[in-house]
Amino acid sequence: MSKRKTLTVLIADGSRAMVERLTDILERVRGLKLIGYAVTAQETTHSIQELRPDVVILDLQVTNGRGINVLRAIKSSSPDIRIIILSNFPYPQYRKKCLEAGADFFLDKSLDFSKMPEILRDLMANSLG
């Protein structure tokens, strides 16, 4: 029987309330490990290089930067990292731009947040090959 891999997650969001909500969710999904937080665009890219997470939950309005630019930087340097975009601005043009730039998911913070546990479980199941 093979040992299950732990899926590592980095949260990049400047909202303390959102980070707390996400942390609560991550703690309830067996097999996930939260390995860090980032608030700014610069912290996010640095943390990804240092920690090498499997999944990044990225706020589209990351502090001191634009989430789309962070997304592009992640995908160009680490294309295997799964990206879940969270946004308070779920406009179709933003969704399209993010998905085209390599985001795996684009979620509206107010409407789609409840989908997060299922998405994380699916990512974990698919990463266990």
Protein backbone atom coordinates (compact mmCIF):
# COMPACT_ATOMS: atom_id res chain seq x y z
CA MET A 1 0.00 0.00 0.00
CA SER A 2 1.54 3.33 -1.02
CA LYS A 3 1.78 6.20 1.38
CA ARG A 4 -0.61 9.06 0.60
CA LYS A 5 1.03 12.28 -0.39
CA THR A 6 0.17 15.40 1.55
CA LEU A 7 -1.00 18.22 -0.70
CA THR A 8 0.69 21.46 0.34
CA VAL A 9 -1.14 24.79 0.09
CA LEU A 10 -0.05 28.44 0.19
CA ILE A 11 -2.63 31.19 0.76
CA ALA A 12 -1.96 34.56 -0.89
CA ASP A 13 -4.58 37.01 0.33
CA GLY A 14 -4.34 40.31 2.19
CA SER A 15 -7.60 39.87 4.08
CA ARG A 16 -7.12 38.42 7.56
CA ALA A 17 -10.78 37.32 7.61
CA MET A 18 -10.38 35.46 4.32
CA VAL A 19 -7.17 33.79 5.48
CA GLU A 20 -8.96 32.63 8.65
CA ARG A 21 -11.88 31.22 6.62
CA LEU A 22 -9.51 29.42 4.27
CA THR A 23 -7.44 28.07 7.16
CA ASP A 24 -10.60 26.64 8.75
CA ILE A 25 -11.45 24.89 5.49
CA LEU A 26 -7.95 23.51 5.01
CA GLU A 27 -7.93 22.10 8.53
CA ARG A 28 -11.08 20.10 7.73
CA VAL A 29 -9.72 18.47 4.57
CA ARG A 30 -7.66 15.41 5.44
CA GLY A 31 -4.39 15.18 3.54
CA LEU A 32 -3.87 18.93 3.08
CA LYS A 33 -1.16 20.92 4.78
CA LEU A 34 -1.10 24.70 4.91
CA ILE A 35 2.56 25.64 4.51
CA GLY A 36 2.38 29.42 4.41
CA TYR A 37 0.66 32.72 3.90
CA ALA A 38 1.55 35.71 1.77
CA VAL A 39 0.03 39.17 1.72
CA THR A 40 1.84 41.00 -1.08
CA ALA A 41 2.67 40.05 -4.64
CA GLN A 42 6.36 39.99 -3.74
CA GLU A 43 5.81 37.75 -0.69
CA THR A 44 3.75 35.42 -2.83
CA THR A 45 6.40 34.88 -5.49
CA HIS A 46 9.14 34.56 -2.85
CA SER A 47 7.10 32.06 -0.79
CA ILE A 48 6.38 29.96 -3.86
CA GLN A 49 10.07 29.77 -4.75
CA GLU A 50 11.00 28.92 -1.18
CA LEU A 51 8.16 26.58 -0.16
CA ARG A 52 7.20 24.95 -3.49
CA PRO A 53 3.50 24.41 -2.71
CA ASP A 54 1.31 22.09 -4.74
CA VAL A 55 -1.58 24.57 -4.67
CA VAL A 56 -1.75 28.36 -4.36
CA ILE A 57 -5.01 30.05 -3.36
CA LEU A 58 -4.52 33.51 -4.85
CA ASP A 59 -6.56 36.65 -4.35
CA LEU A 60 -6.89 38.46 -7.67
CA GLN A 61 -6.40 41.77 -5.81
CA VAL A 62 -3.21 40.76 -3.98
CA THR A 63 -1.60 43.63 -2.05
CA ASN A 64 1.02 45.71 -3.90
CA GLY A 65 0.45 43.97 -7.18
CA ARG A 66 -2.00 42.43 -9.56
CA GLY A 67 -3.02 38.83 -9.10
CA ILE A 68 -2.97 38.21 -12.84
CA ASN A 69 0.72 39.17 -12.94
CA VAL A 70 1.47 36.90 -9.99
CA LEU A 71 -0.45 34.10 -11.72
CA ARG A 72 1.59 34.53 -14.91
CA ALA A 73 4.85 34.55 -12.92
CA ILE A 74 3.88 31.37 -11.09
CA LYS A 75 2.90 29.54 -14.25
CA SER A 76 6.04 30.57 -16.12
CA SER A 77 8.40 29.44 -13.34
CA SER A 78 6.38 26.55 -11.86
CA PRO A 79 3.77 25.33 -14.35
CA ASP A 80 2.80 22.30 -12.24
CA ILE A 81 1.50 24.39 -9.34
CA ARG A 82 -2.29 24.41 -9.24
CA ILE A 83 -3.79 27.89 -8.90
CA ILE A 84 -7.18 28.70 -7.40
CA ILE A 85 -8.09 32.34 -7.99
CA LEU A 86 -10.43 33.95 -5.46
CA SER A 87 -11.97 37.27 -6.38
CA ASN A 88 -14.48 39.82 -5.20
CA PHE A 89 -14.60 40.90 -8.86
CA PRO A 90 -15.94 37.86 -10.71
CA TYR A 91 -16.36 39.59 -14.05
CA PRO A 92 -16.35 37.31 -17.11
CA GLN A 93 -13.37 39.12 -18.64
CA TYR A 94 -11.29 38.53 -15.46
CA ARG A 95 -12.33 34.87 -15.34
CA LYS A 96 -11.37 34.42 -19.00
CA LYS A 97 -8.04 36.21 -18.58
CA CYS A 98 -7.10 34.15 -15.52
CA LEU A 99 -8.05 30.81 -17.04
CA GLU A 100 -6.14 31.69 -20.21
CA ALA A 101 -3.10 32.61 -18.05
CA GLY A 102 -3.15 29.17 -16.43
CA ALA A 103 -5.46 29.35 -13.41
CA ASP A 104 -7.09 26.02 -12.67
CA PHE A 105 -10.12 27.58 -10.99
CA PHE A 106 -11.64 31.05 -10.72
CA LEU A 107 -13.99 31.49 -7.76
CA ASP A 108 -16.21 34.35 -6.69
CA LYS A 109 -15.44 34.91 -2.99
CA SER A 110 -19.08 35.55 -2.15
CA LEU A 111 -20.80 32.89 -4.28
CA ASP A 112 -18.31 30.07 -4.85
CA PHE A 113 -16.49 29.88 -1.54
CA SER A 114 -18.43 26.80 -0.46
CA LYS A 115 -16.94 24.89 -3.42
CA MET A 116 -13.42 25.14 -1.97
CA PRO A 117 -13.40 21.87 0.07
CA GLU A 118 -14.58 19.82 -2.91
CA ILE A 119 -12.06 21.45 -5.25
CA LEU A 120 -9.23 20.79 -2.81
CA ARG A 121 -10.29 17.15 -2.35
CA ASP A 122 -10.41 16.71 -6.15
CA LEU A 123 -6.96 18.26 -6.55
CA MET A 124 -5.63 15.96 -3.85
CA ALA A 125 -7.20 12.87 -5.42
CA ASN A 126 -5.82 13.79 -8.85
CA SER A 127 -2.33 14.45 -7.53
CA LEU A 128 -2.00 11.00 -5.97
CA GLY A 129 -1.59 9.21 -9.30
